[in-house]
C-alpha atoms as a PDB file:
ATOM      1  CA  MET A   1      65.317  36.834  61.756  1.00  0.00           C
ATOM      2  CA  ALA A   2      62.380  37.464  64.028  1.00  0.00           C
ATOM      3  CA  LYS A   3      61.509  35.055  66.821  1.00  0.00           C
ATOM      4  CA  VAL A   4      58.140  33.973  68.154  1.00  0.00           C
ATOM      5  CA  LEU A   5      57.153  32.087  71.264  1.00  0.00           C
ATOM      6  CA  ARG A   6      56.000  28.492  70.936  1.00  0.00           C
ATOM      7  CA  ALA A   7      54.663  26.119  73.585  1.00  0.00           C
ATOM      8  CA  ALA A   8      56.549  23.209  72.066  1.00  0.00           C
ATOM      9  CA  GLU A   9      57.044  20.795  74.959  1.00  0.00           C
ATOM     10  CA  MET A  10      54.072  21.217  77.267  1.00  0.00           C
ATOM     11  CA  ASN A  11      54.160  17.499  78.047  1.00  0.00           C
ATOM     12  CA  LYS A  12      57.111  18.401  80.327  1.00  0.00           C
ATOM     13  CA  CYS A  13      55.226  21.168  82.154  1.00  0.00           C
ATOM     14  CA  ILE A  14      54.730  20.677  85.907  1.00  0.00           C
ATOM     15  CA  GLY A  15      52.567  23.766  86.394  1.00  0.00           C
ATOM     16  CA  CYS A  16      55.118  25.815  88.343  1.00  0.00           C
ATOM     17  CA  PHE A  17      53.885  29.072  86.741  1.00  0.00           C
ATOM     18  CA  THR A  18      57.426  30.460  86.513  1.00  0.00           C
ATOM     19  CA  CYS A  19      56.673  31.569  82.948  1.00  0.00           C
ATOM     20  CA  MET A  20      53.629  33.527  84.050  1.00  0.00           C
ATOM     21  CA  ASN A  21      55.430  35.129  86.974  1.00  0.00           C
ATOM     22  CA  ILE A  22      58.444  36.157  84.883  1.00  0.00           C
ATOM     23  CA  CYS A  23      56.188  37.601  82.178  1.00  0.00           C
ATOM     24  CA  SER A  24      54.360  39.721  84.743  1.00  0.00           C
ATOM     25  CA  ILE A  25      57.592  40.920  86.347  1.00  0.00           C
ATOM     26  CA  VAL A  26      59.450  41.735  83.125  1.00  0.00           C
ATOM     27  CA  ASN A  27      56.613  43.236  81.123  1.00  0.00           C
ATOM     28  CA  ARG A  28      54.278  44.695  83.748  1.00  0.00           C
ATOM     29  CA  GLN A  29      56.618  45.231  86.731  1.00  0.00           C
ATOM     30  CA  ASN A  30      54.120  43.255  88.797  1.00  0.00           C
ATOM     31  CA  HIS A  31      54.252  39.902  90.596  1.00  0.00           C
ATOM     32  CA  SER A  32      50.613  38.993  89.964  1.00  0.00           C
ATOM     33  CA  LEU A  33      49.963  36.038  87.671  1.00  0.00           C
ATOM     34  CA  THR A  34      46.918  37.907  86.377  1.00  0.00           C
ATOM     35  CA  LYS A  35      49.228  40.408  84.645  1.00  0.00           C
ATOM     36  CA  SER A  36      50.883  37.741  82.478  1.00  0.00           C
ATOM     37  CA  ALA A  37      50.500  37.481  78.700  1.00  0.00           C
ATOM     38  CA  ILE A  38      50.778  33.685  78.971  1.00  0.00           C
ATOM     39  CA  LYS A  39      48.378  31.497  80.924  1.00  0.00           C
ATOM     40  CA  VAL A  40      49.102  27.926  81.996  1.00  0.00           C
ATOM     41  CA  ARG A  41      46.111  25.755  82.847  1.00  0.00           C
ATOM     42  CA  THR A  42      45.231  22.099  83.090  1.00  0.00           C
ATOM     43  CA  SER A  43      43.526  20.477  80.146  1.00  0.00           C
ATOM     44  CA  GLY A  44      41.105  18.707  82.441  1.00  0.00           C
ATOM     45  CA  GLY A  45      41.096  18.806  86.203  1.00  0.00           C
ATOM     46  CA  MET A  46      43.833  17.625  88.528  1.00  0.00           C
ATOM     47  CA  THR A  47      44.899  14.704  86.334  1.00  0.00           C
ATOM     48  CA  GLY A  48      45.000  16.562  83.023  1.00  0.00           C
ATOM     49  CA  HIS A  49      48.109  17.797  81.291  1.00  0.00           C
ATOM     50  CA  PHE A  50      49.079  21.454  81.335  1.00  0.00           C
ATOM     51  CA  VAL A  51      48.427  23.683  78.345  1.00  0.00           C
ATOM     52  CA  ALA A  52      49.793  27.144  77.602  1.00  0.00           C
ATOM     53  CA  ILE A  53      47.482  29.775  76.214  1.00  0.00           C
ATOM     54  CA  VAL A  54      49.792  32.068  74.304  1.00  0.00           C
ATOM     55  CA  CYS A  55      49.766  34.274  71.229  1.00  0.00           C
ATOM     56  CA  ILE A  56      50.587  32.225  68.114  1.00  0.00           C
ATOM     57  CA  ALA A  57      51.889  35.280  66.230  1.00  0.00           C
ATOM     58  CA  CYS A  58      49.276  35.404  63.479  1.00  0.00           C
ATOM     59  CA  GLN A  59      50.384  36.862  60.164  1.00  0.00           C
ATOM     60  CA  ASP A  60      46.986  38.525  59.737  1.00  0.00           C
ATOM     61  CA  PRO A  61      46.037  39.249  63.363  1.00  0.00           C
ATOM     62  CA  ALA A  62      42.307  39.439  63.990  1.00  0.00           C
ATOM     63  CA  CYS A  63      42.993  41.422  67.165  1.00  0.00           C
ATOM     64  CA  MET A  64      44.672  44.161  65.131  1.00  0.00           C
ATOM     65  CA  GLU A  65      41.841  44.229  62.592  1.00  0.00           C
ATOM     66  CA  ALA A  66      39.283  44.582  65.387  1.00  0.00           C
ATOM     67  CA  CYS A  67      41.086  47.497  67.062  1.00  0.00           C
ATOM     68  CA  PRO A  68      39.208  50.729  66.218  1.00  0.00           C
ATOM     69  CA  SER A  69      41.928  53.056  67.548  1.00  0.00           C
ATOM     70  CA  GLY A  70      44.971  51.656  65.738  1.00  0.00           C
ATOM     71  CA  ALA A  71      46.642  50.760  69.044  1.00  0.00           C
ATOM     72  CA  LEU A  72      47.827  47.405  67.677  1.00  0.00           C
ATOM     73  CA  THR A  73      50.455  47.272  64.951  1.00  0.00           C
ATOM     74  CA  LYS A  74      52.023  44.290  63.204  1.00  0.00           C
ATOM     75  CA  ARG A  75      55.115  42.875  64.824  1.00  0.00           C
ATOM     76  CA  PRO A  76      57.973  41.586  62.623  1.00  0.00           C
ATOM     77  CA  GLY A  77      57.572  37.803  62.419  1.00  0.00           C
ATOM     78  CA  GLY A  78      53.892  37.845  63.380  1.00  0.00           C
ATOM     79  CA  GLY A  79      51.633  39.005  66.152  1.00  0.00           C
ATOM     80  CA  VAL A  80      51.156  42.572  67.300  1.00  0.00           C
ATOM     81  CA  LEU A  81      52.644  45.300  69.421  1.00  0.00           C
ATOM     82  CA  LEU A  82      50.461  47.458  71.666  1.00  0.00           C
ATOM     83  CA  GLN A  83      50.711  51.244  71.760  1.00  0.00           C
ATOM     84  CA  THR A  84      49.040  51.834  75.126  1.00  0.00           C
ATOM     85  CA  ASP A  85      48.600  55.566  74.564  1.00  0.00           C
ATOM     86  CA  LYS A  86      46.300  54.839  71.603  1.00  0.00           C
ATOM     87  CA  CYS A  87      44.301  52.086  73.332  1.00  0.00           C
ATOM     88  CA  ILE A  88      40.755  53.015  74.352  1.00  0.00           C
ATOM     89  CA  GLY A  89      40.119  49.834  76.373  1.00  0.00           C
ATOM     90  CA  CYS A  90      37.198  48.616  74.274  1.00  0.00           C
ATOM     91  CA  HIS A  91      37.957  44.846  74.630  1.00  0.00           C
ATOM     92  CA  LYS A  92      37.478  44.273  70.874  1.00  0.00           C
ATOM     93  CA  CYS A  93      40.988  42.805  70.492  1.00  0.00           C
ATOM     94  CA  GLU A  94      40.314  40.393  73.333  1.00  0.00           C
ATOM     95  CA  LYS A  95      37.081  39.189  71.747  1.00  0.00           C
ATOM     96  CA  ALA A  96      38.627  38.890  68.264  1.00  0.00           C
ATOM     97  CA  CYS A  97      41.620  36.725  69.230  1.00  0.00           C
ATOM     98  CA  ILE A  98      41.149  33.240  67.784  1.00  0.00           C
ATOM     99  CA  MET A  99      43.393  31.721  70.478  1.00  0.00           C
ATOM    100  CA  GLN A 100      41.799  33.656  73.346  1.00  0.00           C
ATOM    101  CA  SER A 101      45.321  34.797  74.210  1.00  0.00           C
ATOM    102  CA  VAL A 102      44.591  38.501  74.578  1.00  0.00           C
ATOM    103  CA  PHE A 103      43.970  39.072  78.255  1.00  0.00           C
ATOM    104  CA  PHE A 104      42.669  42.237  79.882  1.00  0.00           C
ATOM    105  CA  ASP A 105      44.030  44.203  82.818  1.00  0.00           C
ATOM    106  CA  ASP A 106      41.017  45.489  84.739  1.00  0.00           C
ATOM    107  CA  GLU A 107      43.169  47.967  86.669  1.00  0.00           C
ATOM    108  CA  THR A 108      44.672  49.737  83.662  1.00  0.00           C
ATOM    109  CA  GLN A 109      41.770  49.003  81.311  1.00  0.00           C
ATOM    110  CA  LYS A 110      44.288  47.877  78.683  1.00  0.00           C
ATOM    111  CA  PRO A 111      44.893  44.492  77.024  1.00  0.00           C
ATOM    112  CA  ILE A 112      47.789  42.270  77.999  1.00  0.00           C
ATOM    113  CA  ILE A 113      49.350  41.071  74.765  1.00  0.00           C
ATOM    114  CA  CYS A 114      52.415  38.877  74.313  1.00  0.00           C
ATOM    115  CA  ARG A 115      55.258  40.747  72.657  1.00  0.00           C
ATOM    116  CA  HIS A 116      57.324  37.573  72.176  1.00  0.00           C
ATOM    117  CA  CYS A 117      60.197  38.840  74.314  1.00  0.00           C
ATOM    118  CA  GLY A 118      61.218  35.300  75.308  1.00  0.00           C
ATOM    119  CA  SER A 119      61.505  35.933  79.048  1.00  0.00           C
ATOM    120  CA  CYS A 120      59.105  33.105  79.843  1.00  0.00           C
ATOM    121  CA  ALA A 121      61.057  30.662  77.667  1.00  0.00           C
ATOM    122  CA  ARG A 122      64.417  31.665  79.189  1.00  0.00           C
ATOM    123  CA  PHE A 123      63.205  31.009  82.740  1.00  0.00           C
ATOM    124  CA  CYS A 124      61.106  27.863  82.143  1.00  0.00           C
ATOM    125  CA  PRO A 125      62.891  25.204  84.226  1.00  0.00           C
ATOM    126  CA  HIS A 126      61.808  22.377  81.908  1.00  0.00           C
ATOM    127  CA  GLN A 127      62.179  24.086  78.497  1.00  0.00           C
ATOM    128  CA  CYS A 128      58.486  23.736  77.732  1.00  0.00           C
ATOM    129  CA  LEU A 129      58.517  27.063  75.909  1.00  0.00           C
ATOM    130  CA  VAL A 130      60.876  27.955  73.074  1.00  0.00           C
ATOM    131  CA  MET A 131      61.610  30.934  70.890  1.00  0.00           C
ATOM    132  CA  GLU A 132      61.445  29.870  67.254  1.00  0.00           C
ATOM    133  CA  GLU A 133      63.020  31.807  64.391  1.00  0.00           C
ATOM    134  CA  VAL A 134      60.571  32.774  61.662  1.00  0.00           C
ATOM    135  CA  GLU A 135      60.872  34.766  58.488  1.00  0.00           C
ATOM    136  CA  GLU A 136      59.701  38.349  58.609  1.00  0.00           C
ATOM    137  CA  ILE A 137      56.875  38.883  56.136  1.00  0.00           C
END
């Protein structure tokens, strides 16, 4: 069975950004939080709760449909995989994402897209993020 990332327990999040840092390190070999495919923010100022902006693994991904170069392909279980060599850096996937969870790397001129590897969930100290088994369609 395929697995997808879910932000299931964000009420436990303390905003440590470990998930973002691990994502950047594992997937981009970079320690910058800007290179992460997951973003943690407050829902409203200093007293608001934390929310995670993350790919929800759409079955019919709008980002893939918007891609004119075919750089995005369906991932088993939902979401997409990026073929960087095909990407032309047009930002259309970023604009099409209904969750606003496609981020863009201004240095490489390529999107940063969650591949549901689970690194962020494994290292979250409060188990705010989980990998959930889903059927492959």
